[in-house]
Amino acid sequence: MLVARLEVWGSMDARGAVRFLVHRETTVRGMDGRPFDAMVENFSRTGFLFVADVALPVGTLIWIGLSGAGAREARVVWREQDRHGCEFLMPLGRRDLQRAFRGQDAVLAELEARLRGESIPDESSL
């Protein structure tokens, strides 16, 4: 009998993708090319949530910079005041997911190590 335990650092979104909390600044561009600053609160391979001083209508196509993984095209799928939920037109691949917002590399490496049964030092002991 094989018994496994999977721990995920983040939450699962409605589409079944792990959502990482990032709270990182980035640049978003509307299809008119004008940039504006935004704070990405979280992201997954299928989408992200950003906060910005704009009110983009649902359906708006945008480009978002993923510091470390280039820029990607996305669509606004919901909005509440200055919060915008977006989906990538093409889900992120594993390499881009690891590189996006530079910091998920360590999280994914730890997850893989834990799945292999390797011990990971507790952050409080570092």
C-alpha atoms as a PDB file:
ATOM      1  CA  MET A   1       0.000   0.000   0.000  1.00  0.00           C
ATOM      2  CA  LEU A   2       1.322   3.432  -0.932  1.00  0.00           C
ATOM      3  CA  VAL A   3       0.450   6.352   1.293  1.00  0.00           C
ATOM      4  CA  ALA A   4       1.328   9.901   0.264  1.00  0.00           C
ATOM      5  CA  ARG A   5       0.827  13.312   1.745  1.00  0.00           C
ATOM      6  CA  LEU A   6       0.772  16.471  -0.323  1.00  0.00           C
ATOM      7  CA  GLU A   7       1.111  19.891   1.236  1.00  0.00           C
ATOM      8  CA  VAL A   8       0.433  22.951  -0.873  1.00  0.00           C
ATOM      9  CA  TRP A   9       1.638  26.447   0.032  1.00  0.00           C
ATOM     10  CA  GLY A  10      -1.130  28.542  -1.413  1.00  0.00           C
ATOM     11  CA  SER A  11      -4.772  27.853  -2.073  1.00  0.00           C
ATOM     12  CA  MET A  12      -6.564  25.994  -4.840  1.00  0.00           C
ATOM     13  CA  ASP A  13      -8.634  28.158  -7.173  1.00  0.00           C
ATOM     14  CA  ALA A  14     -11.959  27.217  -8.771  1.00  0.00           C
ATOM     15  CA  ARG A  15     -10.128  25.939 -11.853  1.00  0.00           C
ATOM     16  CA  GLY A  16      -8.018  23.524  -9.787  1.00  0.00           C
ATOM     17  CA  ALA A  17      -4.776  25.508  -9.983  1.00  0.00           C
ATOM     18  CA  VAL A  18      -2.565  26.335  -7.003  1.00  0.00           C
ATOM     19  CA  ARG A  19      -2.761  30.073  -6.325  1.00  0.00           C
ATOM     20  CA  PHE A  20       0.421  31.674  -4.941  1.00  0.00           C
ATOM     21  CA  LEU A  21       0.300  34.796  -2.776  1.00  0.00           C
ATOM     22  CA  VAL A  22       2.873  37.290  -4.061  1.00  0.00           C
ATOM     23  CA  HIS A  23       1.996  40.942  -3.300  1.00  0.00           C
ATOM     24  CA  ARG A  24       4.383  42.202  -6.001  1.00  0.00           C
ATOM     25  CA  GLU A  25       4.361  45.396  -8.028  1.00  0.00           C
ATOM     26  CA  THR A  26       4.232  45.097 -11.792  1.00  0.00           C
ATOM     27  CA  THR A  27       3.280  46.982 -14.927  1.00  0.00           C
ATOM     28  CA  VAL A  28       0.053  46.283 -16.775  1.00  0.00           C
ATOM     29  CA  ARG A  29      -0.749  47.606 -20.235  1.00  0.00           C
ATOM     30  CA  GLY A  30      -4.149  47.915 -21.812  1.00  0.00           C
ATOM     31  CA  MET A  31      -4.481  47.101 -25.485  1.00  0.00           C
ATOM     32  CA  ASP A  32      -3.903  50.802 -26.188  1.00  0.00           C
ATOM     33  CA  GLY A  33      -0.330  50.252 -24.914  1.00  0.00           C
ATOM     34  CA  ARG A  34      -0.551  52.719 -22.018  1.00  0.00           C
ATOM     35  CA  PRO A  35       1.155  51.311 -18.909  1.00  0.00           C
ATOM     36  CA  PHE A  36      -0.072  51.585 -15.348  1.00  0.00           C
ATOM     37  CA  ASP A  37       1.291  50.325 -12.054  1.00  0.00           C
ATOM     38  CA  ALA A  38      -0.474  47.448 -10.343  1.00  0.00           C
ATOM     39  CA  MET A  39      -0.031  45.209  -7.316  1.00  0.00           C
ATOM     40  CA  VAL A  40      -0.433  41.508  -8.065  1.00  0.00           C
ATOM     41  CA  GLU A  41      -1.935  39.917  -4.966  1.00  0.00           C
ATOM     42  CA  ASN A  42      -1.866  36.315  -6.183  1.00  0.00           C
ATOM     43  CA  PHE A  43      -1.431  34.236  -9.321  1.00  0.00           C
ATOM     44  CA  SER A  44      -1.710  30.706 -10.622  1.00  0.00           C
ATOM     45  CA  ARG A  45      -0.940  29.050 -13.917  1.00  0.00           C
ATOM     46  CA  THR A  46      -4.408  30.100 -15.164  1.00  0.00           C
ATOM     47  CA  GLY A  47      -4.814  33.651 -13.844  1.00  0.00           C
ATOM     48  CA  PHE A  48      -4.129  36.347 -11.272  1.00  0.00           C
ATOM     49  CA  LEU A  49      -5.624  39.086  -9.137  1.00  0.00           C
ATOM     50  CA  PHE A  50      -4.294  42.623  -9.335  1.00  0.00           C
ATOM     51  CA  VAL A  51      -5.151  45.870  -7.587  1.00  0.00           C
ATOM     52  CA  ALA A  52      -4.695  49.186  -9.394  1.00  0.00           C
ATOM     53  CA  ASP A  53      -6.094  52.681  -9.517  1.00  0.00           C
ATOM     54  CA  VAL A  54      -8.069  51.874 -12.695  1.00  0.00           C
ATOM     55  CA  ALA A  55     -11.497  50.478 -13.510  1.00  0.00           C
ATOM     56  CA  LEU A  56     -11.121  48.105 -16.441  1.00  0.00           C
ATOM     57  CA  PRO A  57     -14.364  46.593 -17.720  1.00  0.00           C
ATOM     58  CA  VAL A  58     -14.864  42.821 -17.766  1.00  0.00           C
ATOM     59  CA  GLY A  59     -13.611  41.465 -21.090  1.00  0.00           C
ATOM     60  CA  THR A  60     -10.743  43.964 -21.396  1.00  0.00           C
ATOM     61  CA  LEU A  61      -7.572  42.435 -22.852  1.00  0.00           C
ATOM     62  CA  ILE A  62      -4.337  43.401 -21.077  1.00  0.00           C
ATOM     63  CA  TRP A  63      -0.626  42.580 -20.988  1.00  0.00           C
ATOM     64  CA  ILE A  64       1.017  41.951 -17.615  1.00  0.00           C
ATOM     65  CA  GLY A  65       4.717  41.825 -16.760  1.00  0.00           C
ATOM     66  CA  LEU A  66       5.636  38.690 -14.778  1.00  0.00           C
ATOM     67  CA  SER A  67       9.131  39.777 -13.661  1.00  0.00           C
ATOM     68  CA  GLY A  68      11.231  36.784 -14.553  1.00  0.00           C
ATOM     69  CA  ALA A  69       8.807  35.216 -17.045  1.00  0.00           C
ATOM     70  CA  GLY A  70       8.211  38.016 -19.534  1.00  0.00           C
ATOM     71  CA  ALA A  71       4.830  39.523 -20.361  1.00  0.00           C
ATOM     72  CA  ARG A  72       1.595  37.640 -20.931  1.00  0.00           C
ATOM     73  CA  GLU A  73      -1.773  38.478 -22.422  1.00  0.00           C
ATOM     74  CA  ALA A  74      -4.815  38.116 -20.191  1.00  0.00           C
ATOM     75  CA  ARG A  75      -8.496  39.020 -19.974  1.00  0.00           C
ATOM     76  CA  VAL A  76     -10.310  40.711 -17.094  1.00  0.00           C
ATOM     77  CA  VAL A  77     -13.014  38.249 -15.980  1.00  0.00           C
ATOM     78  CA  TRP A  78     -14.341  40.124 -12.927  1.00  0.00           C
ATOM     79  CA  ARG A  79     -13.862  43.450 -11.154  1.00  0.00           C
ATOM     80  CA  GLU A  80     -14.756  44.838  -7.748  1.00  0.00           C
ATOM     81  CA  GLN A  81     -13.719  48.473  -7.336  1.00  0.00           C
ATOM     82  CA  ASP A  82      -9.910  48.487  -7.841  1.00  0.00           C
ATOM     83  CA  ARG A  83      -9.525  44.671  -7.737  1.00  0.00           C
ATOM     84  CA  HIS A  84      -9.388  42.829 -11.065  1.00  0.00           C
ATOM     85  CA  GLY A  85      -9.541  39.060 -11.535  1.00  0.00           C
ATOM     86  CA  CYS A  86      -7.901  37.982 -14.774  1.00  0.00           C
ATOM     87  CA  GLU A  87      -7.257  34.800 -16.692  1.00  0.00           C
ATOM     88  CA  PHE A  88      -4.258  34.201 -18.921  1.00  0.00           C
ATOM     89  CA  LEU A  89      -5.225  33.591 -22.532  1.00  0.00           C
ATOM     90  CA  MET A  90      -2.645  30.768 -22.475  1.00  0.00           C
ATOM     91  CA  PRO A  91      -2.006  29.125 -19.075  1.00  0.00           C
ATOM     92  CA  LEU A  92       1.550  29.410 -17.786  1.00  0.00           C
ATOM     93  CA  GLY A  93       3.834  26.467 -18.367  1.00  0.00           C
ATOM     94  CA  ARG A  94       5.884  25.005 -15.530  1.00  0.00           C
ATOM     95  CA  ARG A  95       9.034  26.986 -16.373  1.00  0.00           C
ATOM     96  CA  ASP A  96       7.154  30.305 -16.510  1.00  0.00           C
ATOM     97  CA  LEU A  97       5.274  29.456 -13.316  1.00  0.00           C
ATOM     98  CA  GLN A  98       8.615  28.899 -11.572  1.00  0.00           C
ATOM     99  CA  ARG A  99      10.112  32.111 -12.922  1.00  0.00           C
ATOM    100  CA  ALA A 100       7.126  34.434 -12.505  1.00  0.00           C
ATOM    101  CA  PHE A 101       7.665  36.918  -9.707  1.00  0.00           C
ATOM    102  CA  ARG A 102      10.987  35.201  -8.825  1.00  0.00           C
ATOM    103  CA  GLY A 103      10.405  33.581  -5.517  1.00  0.00           C
ATOM    104  CA  GLN A 104       8.157  30.731  -6.431  1.00  0.00           C
ATOM    105  CA  ASP A 105      11.295  28.734  -7.401  1.00  0.00           C
ATOM    106  CA  ALA A 106      12.020  28.062  -3.745  1.00  0.00           C
ATOM    107  CA  VAL A 107       8.406  27.130  -3.023  1.00  0.00           C
ATOM    108  CA  LEU A 108       8.256  24.664  -5.903  1.00  0.00           C
ATOM    109  CA  ALA A 109      11.685  23.211  -5.040  1.00  0.00           C
ATOM    110  CA  GLU A 110      10.544  22.662  -1.458  1.00  0.00           C
ATOM    111  CA  LEU A 111       7.326  21.035  -2.633  1.00  0.00           C
ATOM    112  CA  GLU A 112       9.253  18.671  -4.903  1.00  0.00           C
ATOM    113  CA  ALA A 113      11.719  17.856  -2.120  1.00  0.00           C
ATOM    114  CA  ARG A 114       8.878  17.097   0.281  1.00  0.00           C
ATOM    115  CA  LEU A 115       7.239  14.858  -2.305  1.00  0.00           C
ATOM    116  CA  ARG A 116      10.524  12.942  -2.586  1.00  0.00           C
ATOM    117  CA  GLY A 117      10.532  12.573   1.203  1.00  0.00           C
ATOM    118  CA  GLU A 118      13.532  14.821   1.819  1.00  0.00           C
ATOM    119  CA  SER A 119      13.559  16.836   5.028  1.00  0.00           C
ATOM    120  CA  ILE A 120      13.282  20.603   4.706  1.00  0.00           C
ATOM    121  CA  PRO A 121      14.585  22.883   7.468  1.00  0.00           C
ATOM    122  CA  ASP A 122      11.883  24.791   9.319  1.00  0.00           C
ATOM    123  CA  GLU A 123      12.067  28.535   8.552  1.00  0.00           C
ATOM    124  CA  SER A 124      12.075  29.314  12.267  1.00  0.00           C
ATOM    125  CA  SER A 125      15.306  27.346  12.680  1.00  0.00           C
ATOM    126  CA  LEU A 126      17.141  29.298   9.963  1.00  0.00           C
END
